[in-house]
Amino acid sequence: MENNKRIFPNCGRMMKQQFIGLKHCKYGMSWKRDIGYFERTGDMVFALERRKCGKKWKQVPVIRYK
């Protein structure tokens, strides 16, 4: 099971969760479950998208660019 308190490796602080599977550090880095660590830019927009998995709908975090 995944550790809910993800620690950012560079500064050692806890990352704050925006959505399930998407966490942010206040120093401009983020972590997403499927891609791992990445640096945020000013043109990124984080949103929830509804996707159908089998018979159920799930909300999945996505990254969009302006």
N, C-alpha and C. Protein backbone atom coordinates (compact mmCIF):
# COMPACT_ATOMS: atom_id res chain seq x y z
N MET A 1 0.84 -1.18 0.00
CA MET A 1 0.00 0.00 0.00
C MET A 1 0.89 1.24 0.00
N GLU A 2 0.46 2.26 -0.72
CA GLU A 2 1.25 3.47 -0.86
C GLU A 2 1.24 4.29 0.43
N ASN A 3 2.38 4.89 0.72
CA ASN A 3 2.48 5.75 1.89
C ASN A 3 1.75 7.06 1.60
N ASN A 4 0.79 7.44 2.46
CA ASN A 4 0.01 8.65 2.23
C ASN A 4 0.81 9.92 2.47
N LYS A 5 1.85 9.86 3.27
CA LYS A 5 2.66 11.03 3.57
C LYS A 5 3.90 11.02 2.69
N ARG A 6 3.75 11.48 1.45
CA ARG A 6 4.85 11.51 0.50
C ARG A 6 5.78 12.64 0.89
N ILE A 7 7.07 12.33 1.07
CA ILE A 7 8.10 13.30 1.44
C ILE A 7 8.85 13.68 0.18
N PHE A 8 9.00 14.99 -0.04
CA PHE A 8 9.75 15.45 -1.19
C PHE A 8 11.23 15.18 -0.96
N PRO A 9 11.94 14.53 -1.90
CA PRO A 9 13.31 14.09 -1.65
C PRO A 9 14.33 15.23 -1.51
N ASN A 10 14.13 16.37 -2.17
CA ASN A 10 15.13 17.44 -2.12
C ASN A 10 15.09 18.22 -0.81
N CYS A 11 13.90 18.62 -0.36
CA CYS A 11 13.83 19.47 0.84
C CYS A 11 13.41 18.69 2.08
N GLY A 12 12.90 17.48 1.94
CA GLY A 12 12.53 16.67 3.09
C GLY A 12 11.20 17.04 3.72
N ARG A 13 10.42 17.90 3.08
CA ARG A 13 9.12 18.30 3.62
C ARG A 13 8.00 17.45 3.02
N MET A 14 6.87 17.44 3.73
CA MET A 14 5.73 16.67 3.23
C MET A 14 5.07 17.43 2.09
N MET A 15 4.59 16.69 1.13
CA MET A 15 3.87 17.29 0.01
C MET A 15 2.38 17.34 0.35
N LYS A 16 1.71 18.39 -0.12
CA LYS A 16 0.29 18.53 0.14
C LYS A 16 -0.50 17.95 -1.02
N GLN A 17 -1.59 17.28 -0.69
CA GLN A 17 -2.40 16.61 -1.70
C GLN A 17 -3.45 17.57 -2.24
N GLN A 18 -3.50 17.72 -3.56
CA GLN A 18 -4.55 18.51 -4.19
C GLN A 18 -5.70 17.60 -4.58
N PHE A 19 -5.40 16.52 -5.29
CA PHE A 19 -6.37 15.50 -5.65
C PHE A 19 -5.78 14.16 -5.26
N ILE A 20 -6.59 13.11 -5.28
CA ILE A 20 -6.07 11.78 -5.02
C ILE A 20 -5.13 11.43 -6.18
N GLY A 21 -3.89 11.13 -5.87
CA GLY A 21 -2.91 10.80 -6.89
C GLY A 21 -2.13 12.00 -7.40
N LEU A 22 -2.30 13.19 -6.80
CA LEU A 22 -1.58 14.39 -7.22
C LEU A 22 -1.20 15.19 -5.99
N LYS A 23 0.11 15.36 -5.77
CA LYS A 23 0.60 16.08 -4.59
C LYS A 23 1.59 17.15 -5.02
N HIS A 24 1.65 18.23 -4.21
CA HIS A 24 2.51 19.37 -4.54
C HIS A 24 3.43 19.70 -3.37
N CYS A 25 4.63 20.16 -3.71
CA CYS A 25 5.56 20.73 -2.75
C CYS A 25 5.56 22.23 -2.98
N LYS A 26 5.79 23.02 -1.94
CA LYS A 26 5.71 24.47 -2.12
C LYS A 26 6.90 25.04 -2.88
N TYR A 27 7.86 24.21 -3.26
CA TYR A 27 9.04 24.68 -3.99
C TYR A 27 8.95 24.44 -5.49
N GLY A 28 7.74 24.20 -6.03
CA GLY A 28 7.56 24.10 -7.47
C GLY A 28 7.65 22.70 -8.05
N MET A 29 7.71 21.69 -7.21
CA MET A 29 7.72 20.31 -7.70
C MET A 29 6.40 19.64 -7.36
N SER A 30 6.02 18.68 -8.17
CA SER A 30 4.80 17.92 -7.95
C SER A 30 5.07 16.45 -8.16
N TRP A 31 4.13 15.63 -7.72
CA TRP A 31 4.21 14.19 -7.91
C TRP A 31 2.83 13.70 -8.34
N LYS A 32 2.80 12.96 -9.44
CA LYS A 32 1.56 12.35 -9.93
C LYS A 32 1.79 10.86 -10.01
N ARG A 33 0.79 10.11 -9.64
CA ARG A 33 0.93 8.66 -9.49
C ARG A 33 1.48 7.98 -10.74
N ASP A 34 1.01 8.35 -11.92
CA ASP A 34 1.41 7.61 -13.11
C ASP A 34 2.70 8.12 -13.75
N ILE A 35 3.12 9.38 -13.48
CA ILE A 35 4.35 9.89 -14.11
C ILE A 35 5.47 10.15 -13.13
N GLY A 36 5.20 10.23 -11.84
CA GLY A 36 6.24 10.46 -10.85
C GLY A 36 6.46 11.94 -10.60
N TYR A 37 7.72 12.33 -10.25
CA TYR A 37 8.04 13.71 -9.94
C TYR A 37 8.21 14.53 -11.21
N PHE A 38 7.74 15.79 -11.16
CA PHE A 38 7.93 16.71 -12.27
C PHE A 38 7.89 18.13 -11.74
N GLU A 39 8.44 19.06 -12.52
CA GLU A 39 8.47 20.46 -12.13
C GLU A 39 7.27 21.18 -12.73
N ARG A 40 6.59 21.97 -11.90
CA ARG A 40 5.44 22.73 -12.37
C ARG A 40 5.89 23.95 -13.14
N THR A 41 5.11 24.31 -14.16
CA THR A 41 5.33 25.54 -14.91
C THR A 41 4.08 26.40 -14.81
N GLY A 42 4.18 27.64 -15.22
CA GLY A 42 3.08 28.58 -15.10
C GLY A 42 1.91 28.29 -15.99
N ASP A 43 2.12 27.53 -17.07
CA ASP A 43 1.02 27.26 -17.99
C ASP A 43 0.28 25.96 -17.68
N MET A 44 0.62 25.27 -16.60
CA MET A 44 -0.05 24.02 -16.23
C MET A 44 -1.33 24.31 -15.46
N VAL A 45 -2.38 23.57 -15.78
CA VAL A 45 -3.65 23.64 -15.06
C VAL A 45 -4.00 22.22 -14.64
N PHE A 46 -4.28 22.04 -13.35
CA PHE A 46 -4.63 20.72 -12.83
C PHE A 46 -6.14 20.64 -12.67
N ALA A 47 -6.72 19.55 -13.16
CA ALA A 47 -8.17 19.39 -13.11
C ALA A 47 -8.52 17.93 -12.93
N LEU A 48 -9.77 17.68 -12.57
CA LEU A 48 -10.28 16.32 -12.48
C LEU A 48 -11.07 16.02 -13.75
N GLU A 49 -10.86 14.85 -14.29
CA GLU A 49 -11.57 14.42 -15.49
C GLU A 49 -12.30 13.13 -15.17
N ARG A 50 -13.54 13.03 -15.62
CA ARG A 50 -14.31 11.80 -15.39
C ARG A 50 -14.02 10.82 -16.50
N ARG A 51 -13.62 9.60 -16.12
CA ARG A 51 -13.35 8.53 -17.08
C ARG A 51 -14.13 7.29 -16.67
N LYS A 52 -14.57 6.55 -17.67
CA LYS A 52 -15.34 5.35 -17.39
C LYS A 52 -14.41 4.16 -17.31
N CYS A 53 -14.47 3.45 -16.20
CA CYS A 53 -13.69 2.23 -15.99
C CYS A 53 -14.68 1.10 -15.76
N GLY A 54 -14.90 0.30 -16.80
CA GLY A 54 -15.90 -0.74 -16.70
C GLY A 54 -17.29 -0.13 -16.70
N LYS A 55 -18.03 -0.35 -15.63
CA LYS A 55 -19.37 0.23 -15.51
C LYS A 55 -19.39 1.49 -14.66
N LYS A 56 -18.30 1.79 -13.98
CA LYS A 56 -18.26 2.92 -13.07
C LYS A 56 -17.49 4.10 -13.68
N TRP A 57 -17.83 5.29 -13.24
CA TRP A 57 -17.11 6.50 -13.61
C TRP A 57 -16.14 6.83 -12.49
N LYS A 58 -14.90 7.21 -12.85
CA LYS A 58 -13.89 7.59 -11.87
C LYS A 58 -13.41 8.99 -12.20
N GLN A 59 -13.02 9.74 -11.18
CA GLN A 59 -12.42 11.04 -11.38
C GLN A 59 -10.91 10.87 -11.31
N VAL A 60 -10.22 11.30 -12.36
CA VAL A 60 -8.78 11.11 -12.49
C VAL A 60 -8.14 12.49 -12.67
N PRO A 61 -7.06 12.80 -11.93
CA PRO A 61 -6.41 14.10 -12.13
C PRO A 61 -5.68 14.13 -13.47
N VAL A 62 -5.80 15.25 -14.19
CA VAL A 62 -5.13 15.44 -15.46
C VAL A 62 -4.40 16.78 -15.44
N ILE A 63 -3.39 16.89 -16.29
CA ILE A 63 -2.64 18.13 -16.43
C ILE A 63 -2.96 18.68 -17.81
N ARG A 64 -3.43 19.93 -17.84
CA ARG A 64 -3.71 20.60 -19.11
C ARG A 64 -2.79 21.80 -19.20
N TYR A 65 -2.53 22.22 -20.43
CA TYR A 65 -1.67 23.36 -20.68
C TYR A 65 -2.48 24.46 -21.34
N LYS A 66 -2.25 25.71 -20.93
CA LYS A 66 -2.96 26.86 -21.50
C LYS A 66 -2.53 27.11 -22.91
